[in-house]
Amino acid sequence: MSTQTKVIIGGVGVGLLLFWLLPNIVATLIILGLVAVPVVGYLMLDPSQRRRLRAQGRKRIGS
């Protein structure tokens, strides 16, 4: 199992735990915040930086 898969499974587990422990609206806001941070970070990159990031990801797939 890859590291990324382990992180995703852990994130889903934490999300389910938050829904169980906290009121639903608070848990939803926390989960949306955790998703929004990397998305906003990616959107803040210049087009050339995004291109380099995508090329780096494609390079890893073949190795």
PDB file of N, CA and C in Angstrom:
ATOM      1  N   MET A   1       0.850  -1.164   0.000  1.00  0.00           N
ATOM      2  CA  MET A   1       0.000   0.000   0.000  1.00  0.00           C
ATOM      3  C   MET A   1       0.904   1.239   0.000  1.00  0.00           C
ATOM      4  N   SER A   2       0.598   2.197  -0.882  1.00  0.00           N
ATOM      5  CA  SER A   2       1.436   3.383  -0.995  1.00  0.00           C
ATOM      6  C   SER A   2       1.201   4.326   0.175  1.00  0.00           C
ATOM      7  N   THR A   3       2.135   5.235   0.356  1.00  0.00           N
ATOM      8  CA  THR A   3       2.021   6.215   1.432  1.00  0.00           C
ATOM      9  C   THR A   3       0.798   7.101   1.228  1.00  0.00           C
ATOM     10  N   GLN A   4       0.539   7.478  -0.011  1.00  0.00           N
ATOM     11  CA  GLN A   4      -0.609   8.338  -0.296  1.00  0.00           C
ATOM     12  C   GLN A   4      -1.922   7.638   0.077  1.00  0.00           C
ATOM     13  N   THR A   5      -2.007   6.353  -0.189  1.00  0.00           N
ATOM     14  CA  THR A   5      -3.210   5.596   0.167  1.00  0.00           C
ATOM     15  C   THR A   5      -3.399   5.546   1.675  1.00  0.00           C
ATOM     16  N   LYS A   6      -2.304   5.371   2.414  1.00  0.00           N
ATOM     17  CA  LYS A   6      -2.387   5.352   3.871  1.00  0.00           C
ATOM     18  C   LYS A   6      -2.864   6.698   4.412  1.00  0.00           C
ATOM     19  N   VAL A   7      -2.384   7.780   3.819  1.00  0.00           N
ATOM     20  CA  VAL A   7      -2.797   9.116   4.250  1.00  0.00           C
ATOM     21  C   VAL A   7      -4.278   9.332   3.975  1.00  0.00           C
ATOM     22  N   ILE A   8      -4.753   8.888   2.826  1.00  0.00           N
ATOM     23  CA  ILE A   8      -6.167   9.043   2.482  1.00  0.00           C
ATOM     24  C   ILE A   8      -7.047   8.241   3.437  1.00  0.00           C
ATOM     25  N   ILE A   9      -6.654   7.006   3.720  1.00  0.00           N
ATOM     26  CA  ILE A   9      -7.424   6.176   4.647  1.00  0.00           C
ATOM     27  C   ILE A   9      -7.441   6.807   6.036  1.00  0.00           C
ATOM     28  N   GLY A  10      -6.316   7.328   6.475  1.00  0.00           N
ATOM     29  CA  GLY A  10      -6.257   8.009   7.766  1.00  0.00           C
ATOM     30  C   GLY A  10      -7.135   9.253   7.792  1.00  0.00           C
ATOM     31  N   GLY A  11      -7.144  10.012   6.700  1.00  0.00           N
ATOM     32  CA  GLY A  11      -7.982  11.201   6.617  1.00  0.00           C
ATOM     33  C   GLY A  11      -9.463  10.871   6.684  1.00  0.00           C
ATOM     34  N   VAL A  12      -9.855   9.813   6.011  1.00  0.00           N
ATOM     35  CA  VAL A  12     -11.258   9.381   6.058  1.00  0.00           C
ATOM     36  C   VAL A  12     -11.619   8.945   7.479  1.00  0.00           C
ATOM     37  N   GLY A  13     -10.702   8.246   8.129  1.00  0.00           N
ATOM     38  CA  GLY A  13     -10.949   7.820   9.509  1.00  0.00           C
ATOM     39  C   GLY A  13     -11.102   9.005  10.452  1.00  0.00           C
ATOM     40  N   VAL A  14     -10.238   9.996  10.297  1.00  0.00           N
ATOM     41  CA  VAL A  14     -10.337  11.196  11.137  1.00  0.00           C
ATOM     42  C   VAL A  14     -11.635  11.938  10.841  1.00  0.00           C
ATOM     43  N   GLY A  15     -12.018  12.004   9.568  1.00  0.00           N
ATOM     44  CA  GLY A  15     -13.275  12.663   9.206  1.00  0.00           C
ATOM     45  C   GLY A  15     -14.474  11.983   9.836  1.00  0.00           C
ATOM     46  N   LEU A  16     -14.506  10.670   9.799  1.00  0.00           N
ATOM     47  CA  LEU A  16     -15.607   9.935  10.427  1.00  0.00           C
ATOM     48  C   LEU A  16     -15.617  10.126  11.937  1.00  0.00           C
ATOM     49  N   LEU A  17     -14.434  10.152  12.542  1.00  0.00           N
ATOM     50  CA  LEU A  17     -14.335  10.386  13.976  1.00  0.00           C
ATOM     51  C   LEU A  17     -14.846  11.783  14.336  1.00  0.00           C
ATOM     52  N   LEU A  18     -14.511  12.789  13.514  1.00  0.00           N
ATOM     53  CA  LEU A  18     -14.994  14.144  13.765  1.00  0.00           C
ATOM     54  C   LEU A  18     -16.520  14.211  13.679  1.00  0.00           C
ATOM     55  N   PHE A  19     -17.091  13.544  12.677  1.00  0.00           N
ATOM     56  CA  PHE A  19     -18.551  13.539  12.557  1.00  0.00           C
ATOM     57  C   PHE A  19     -19.205  12.900  13.771  1.00  0.00           C
ATOM     58  N   TRP A  20     -18.547  11.927  14.352  1.00  0.00           N
ATOM     59  CA  TRP A  20     -19.108  11.230  15.500  1.00  0.00           C
ATOM     60  C   TRP A  20     -18.973  12.052  16.786  1.00  0.00           C
ATOM     61  N   LEU A  21     -17.832  12.759  16.934  1.00  0.00           N
ATOM     62  CA  LEU A  21     -17.565  13.482  18.172  1.00  0.00           C
ATOM     63  C   LEU A  21     -18.119  14.903  18.203  1.00  0.00           C
ATOM     64  N   LEU A  22     -18.107  15.579  17.075  1.00  0.00           N
ATOM     65  CA  LEU A  22     -18.498  16.990  17.026  1.00  0.00           C
ATOM     66  C   LEU A  22     -19.854  17.148  16.355  1.00  0.00           C
ATOM     67  N   PRO A  23     -20.482  18.315  16.549  1.00  0.00           N
ATOM     68  CA  PRO A  23     -21.699  18.585  15.774  1.00  0.00           C
ATOM     69  C   PRO A  23     -21.368  18.560  14.277  1.00  0.00           C
ATOM     70  N   ASN A  24     -22.312  18.134  13.474  1.00  0.00           N
ATOM     71  CA  ASN A  24     -22.052  17.926  12.054  1.00  0.00           C
ATOM     72  C   ASN A  24     -21.536  19.169  11.340  1.00  0.00           C
ATOM     73  N   ILE A  25     -22.046  20.345  11.666  1.00  0.00           N
ATOM     74  CA  ILE A  25     -21.613  21.545  10.951  1.00  0.00           C
ATOM     75  C   ILE A  25     -20.148  21.868  11.257  1.00  0.00           C
ATOM     76  N   VAL A  26     -19.726  21.663  12.500  1.00  0.00           N
ATOM     77  CA  VAL A  26     -18.334  21.930  12.866  1.00  0.00           C
ATOM     78  C   VAL A  26     -17.413  20.943  12.164  1.00  0.00           C
ATOM     79  N   ALA A  27     -17.771  19.676  12.161  1.00  0.00           N
ATOM     80  CA  ALA A  27     -16.955  18.667  11.500  1.00  0.00           C
ATOM     81  C   ALA A  27     -16.869  18.945  10.002  1.00  0.00           C
ATOM     82  N   THR A  28     -17.982  19.352   9.403  1.00  0.00           N
ATOM     83  CA  THR A  28     -17.982  19.663   7.978  1.00  0.00           C
ATOM     84  C   THR A  28     -17.061  20.827   7.683  1.00  0.00           C
ATOM     85  N   LEU A  29     -17.098  21.860   8.498  1.00  0.00           N
ATOM     86  CA  LEU A  29     -16.230  23.019   8.282  1.00  0.00           C
ATOM     87  C   LEU A  29     -14.759  22.658   8.430  1.00  0.00           C
ATOM     88  N   ILE A  30     -14.422  21.814   9.394  1.00  0.00           N
ATOM     89  CA  ILE A  30     -13.030  21.393   9.580  1.00  0.00           C
ATOM     90  C   ILE A  30     -12.560  20.589   8.369  1.00  0.00           C
ATOM     91  N   ILE A  31     -13.376  19.655   7.901  1.00  0.00           N
ATOM     92  CA  ILE A  31     -12.991  18.830   6.756  1.00  0.00           C
ATOM     93  C   ILE A  31     -12.859  19.684   5.499  1.00  0.00           C
ATOM     94  N   LEU A  32     -13.782  20.619   5.284  1.00  0.00           N
ATOM     95  CA  LEU A  32     -13.672  21.513   4.131  1.00  0.00           C
ATOM     96  C   LEU A  32     -12.409  22.368   4.214  1.00  0.00           C
ATOM     97  N   GLY A  33     -12.056  22.803   5.405  1.00  0.00           N
ATOM     98  CA  GLY A  33     -10.822  23.563   5.576  1.00  0.00           C
ATOM     99  C   GLY A  33      -9.591  22.742   5.241  1.00  0.00           C
ATOM    100  N   LEU A  34      -9.586  21.471   5.646  1.00  0.00           N
ATOM    101  CA  LEU A  34      -8.449  20.604   5.337  1.00  0.00           C
ATOM    102  C   LEU A  34      -8.320  20.334   3.846  1.00  0.00           C
ATOM    103  N   VAL A  35      -9.436  20.324   3.142  1.00  0.00           N
ATOM    104  CA  VAL A  35      -9.391  20.122   1.694  1.00  0.00           C
ATOM    105  C   VAL A  35      -9.009  21.423   0.993  1.00  0.00           C
ATOM    106  N   ALA A  36      -9.457  22.557   1.523  1.00  0.00           N
ATOM    107  CA  ALA A  36      -9.251  23.839   0.858  1.00  0.00           C
ATOM    108  C   ALA A  36      -7.797  24.303   0.910  1.00  0.00           C
ATOM    109  N   VAL A  37      -7.058  23.971   1.952  1.00  0.00           N
ATOM    110  CA  VAL A  37      -5.689  24.464   2.093  1.00  0.00           C
ATOM    111  C   VAL A  37      -4.801  24.029   0.923  1.00  0.00           C
ATOM    112  N   PRO A  38      -4.721  22.743   0.554  1.00  0.00           N
ATOM    113  CA  PRO A  38      -3.871  22.380  -0.580  1.00  0.00           C
ATOM    114  C   PRO A  38      -4.391  22.932  -1.912  1.00  0.00           C
ATOM    115  N   VAL A  39      -5.716  23.023  -2.051  1.00  0.00           N
ATOM    116  CA  VAL A  39      -6.283  23.551  -3.299  1.00  0.00           C
ATOM    117  C   VAL A  39      -5.897  25.014  -3.476  1.00  0.00           C
ATOM    118  N   VAL A  40      -6.034  25.802  -2.422  1.00  0.00           N
ATOM    119  CA  VAL A  40      -5.667  27.218  -2.505  1.00  0.00           C
ATOM    120  C   VAL A  40      -4.163  27.353  -2.730  1.00  0.00           C
ATOM    121  N   GLY A  41      -3.366  26.521  -2.089  1.00  0.00           N
ATOM    122  CA  GLY A  41      -1.917  26.551  -2.305  1.00  0.00           C
ATOM    123  C   GLY A  41      -1.564  26.259  -3.748  1.00  0.00           C
ATOM    124  N   TYR A  42      -2.223  25.296  -4.358  1.00  0.00           N
ATOM    125  CA  TYR A  42      -1.962  24.973  -5.767  1.00  0.00           C
ATOM    126  C   TYR A  42      -2.381  26.125  -6.672  1.00  0.00           C
ATOM    127  N   LEU A  43      -3.531  26.729  -6.385  1.00  0.00           N
ATOM    128  CA  LEU A  43      -4.015  27.822  -7.222  1.00  0.00           C
ATOM    129  C   LEU A  43      -3.155  29.075  -7.092  1.00  0.00           C
ATOM    130  N   MET A  44      -2.406  29.205  -6.003  1.00  0.00           N
ATOM    131  CA  MET A  44      -1.535  30.361  -5.825  1.00  0.00           C
ATOM    132  C   MET A  44      -0.235  30.247  -6.628  1.00  0.00           C
ATOM    133  N   LEU A  45       0.076  29.081  -7.158  1.00  0.00           N
ATOM    134  CA  LEU A  45       1.294  28.901  -7.932  1.00  0.00           C
ATOM    135  C   LEU A  45       1.176  29.592  -9.283  1.00  0.00           C
ATOM    136  N   ASP A  46       2.338  30.025  -9.802  1.00  0.00           N
ATOM    137  CA  ASP A  46       2.381  30.560 -11.163  1.00  0.00           C
ATOM    138  C   ASP A  46       2.145  29.421 -12.143  1.00  0.00           C
ATOM    139  N   PRO A  47       1.729  29.735 -13.387  1.00  0.00           N
ATOM    140  CA  PRO A  47       1.556  28.663 -14.377  1.00  0.00           C
ATOM    141  C   PRO A  47       2.829  27.835 -14.598  1.00  0.00           C
ATOM    142  N   SER A  48       3.989  28.476 -14.563  1.00  0.00           N
ATOM    143  CA  SER A  48       5.234  27.722 -14.768  1.00  0.00           C
ATOM    144  C   SER A  48       5.494  26.776 -13.587  1.00  0.00           C
ATOM    145  N   GLN A  49       5.157  27.216 -12.377  1.00  0.00           N
ATOM    146  CA  GLN A  49       5.339  26.357 -11.207  1.00  0.00           C
ATOM    147  C   GLN A  49       4.368  25.183 -11.239  1.00  0.00           C
ATOM    148  N   ARG A  50       3.138  25.415 -11.687  1.00  0.00           N
ATOM    149  CA  ARG A  50       2.178  24.316 -11.823  1.00  0.00           C
ATOM    150  C   ARG A  50       2.669  23.297 -12.844  1.00  0.00           C
ATOM    151  N   ARG A  51       3.225  23.799 -13.950  1.00  0.00           N
ATOM    152  CA  ARG A  51       3.749  22.913 -14.990  1.00  0.00           C
ATOM    153  C   ARG A  51       4.870  22.042 -14.423  1.00  0.00           C
ATOM    154  N   ARG A  52       5.796  22.651 -13.659  1.00  0.00           N
ATOM    155  CA  ARG A  52       6.888  21.888 -13.060  1.00  0.00           C
ATOM    156  C   ARG A  52       6.364  20.853 -12.068  1.00  0.00           C
ATOM    157  N   LEU A  53       5.339  21.218 -11.298  1.00  0.00           N
ATOM    158  CA  LEU A  53       4.758  20.292 -10.328  1.00  0.00           C
ATOM    159  C   LEU A  53       4.103  19.105 -11.028  1.00  0.00           C
ATOM    160  N   ARG A  54       3.356  19.364 -12.104  1.00  0.00           N
ATOM    161  CA  ARG A  54       2.735  18.263 -12.862  1.00  0.00           C
ATOM    162  C   ARG A  54       3.793  17.379 -13.497  1.00  0.00           C
ATOM    163  N   ALA A  55       4.874  17.987 -14.037  1.00  0.00           N
ATOM    164  CA  ALA A  55       5.939  17.192 -14.651  1.00  0.00           C
ATOM    165  C   ALA A  55       6.626  16.315 -13.614  1.00  0.00           C
ATOM    166  N   GLN A  56       6.793  16.823 -12.419  1.00  0.00           N
ATOM    167  CA  GLN A  56       7.429  16.048 -11.350  1.00  0.00           C
ATOM    168  C   GLN A  56       6.554  14.847 -10.985  1.00  0.00           C
ATOM    169  N   GLY A  57       5.248  15.040 -10.942  1.00  0.00           N
ATOM    170  CA  GLY A  57       4.347  13.935 -10.625  1.00  0.00           C
ATOM    171  C   GLY A  57       4.356  12.876 -11.704  1.00  0.00           C
ATOM    172  N   ARG A  58       4.418  13.297 -12.957  1.00  0.00           N
ATOM    173  CA  ARG A  58       4.486  12.320 -14.055  1.00  0.00           C
ATOM    174  C   ARG A  58       5.788  11.566 -14.041  1.00  0.00           C
ATOM    175  N   LYS A  59       6.877  12.247 -13.646  1.00  0.00           N
ATOM    176  CA  LYS A  59       8.173  11.593 -13.589  1.00  0.00           C
ATOM    177  C   LYS A  59       8.170  10.468 -12.565  1.00  0.00           C
ATOM    178  N   ARG A  60       7.493  10.669 -11.438  1.00  0.00           N
ATOM    179  CA  ARG A  60       7.472   9.663 -10.379  1.00  0.00           C
ATOM    180  C   ARG A  60       6.686   8.423 -10.785  1.00  0.00           C
ATOM    181  N   ILE A  61       5.687   8.601 -11.640  1.00  0.00           N
ATOM    182  CA  ILE A  61       4.872   7.464 -12.034  1.00  0.00           C
ATOM    183  C   ILE A  61       5.717   6.432 -12.780  1.00  0.00           C
ATOM    184  N   GLY A  62       6.637   6.881 -13.631  1.00  0.00           N
ATOM    185  CA  GLY A  62       7.450   5.965 -14.431  1.00  0.00           C
ATOM    186  C   GLY A  62       8.603   5.344 -13.692  1.00  0.00           C
ATOM    187  N   SER A  63       8.990   5.880 -12.545  1.00  0.00           N
ATOM    188  CA  SER A  63      10.193   5.361 -11.873  1.00  0.00           C
ATOM    189  C   SER A  63       9.899   4.242 -10.920  1.00  0.00           C
TER     190      SER A  63
END
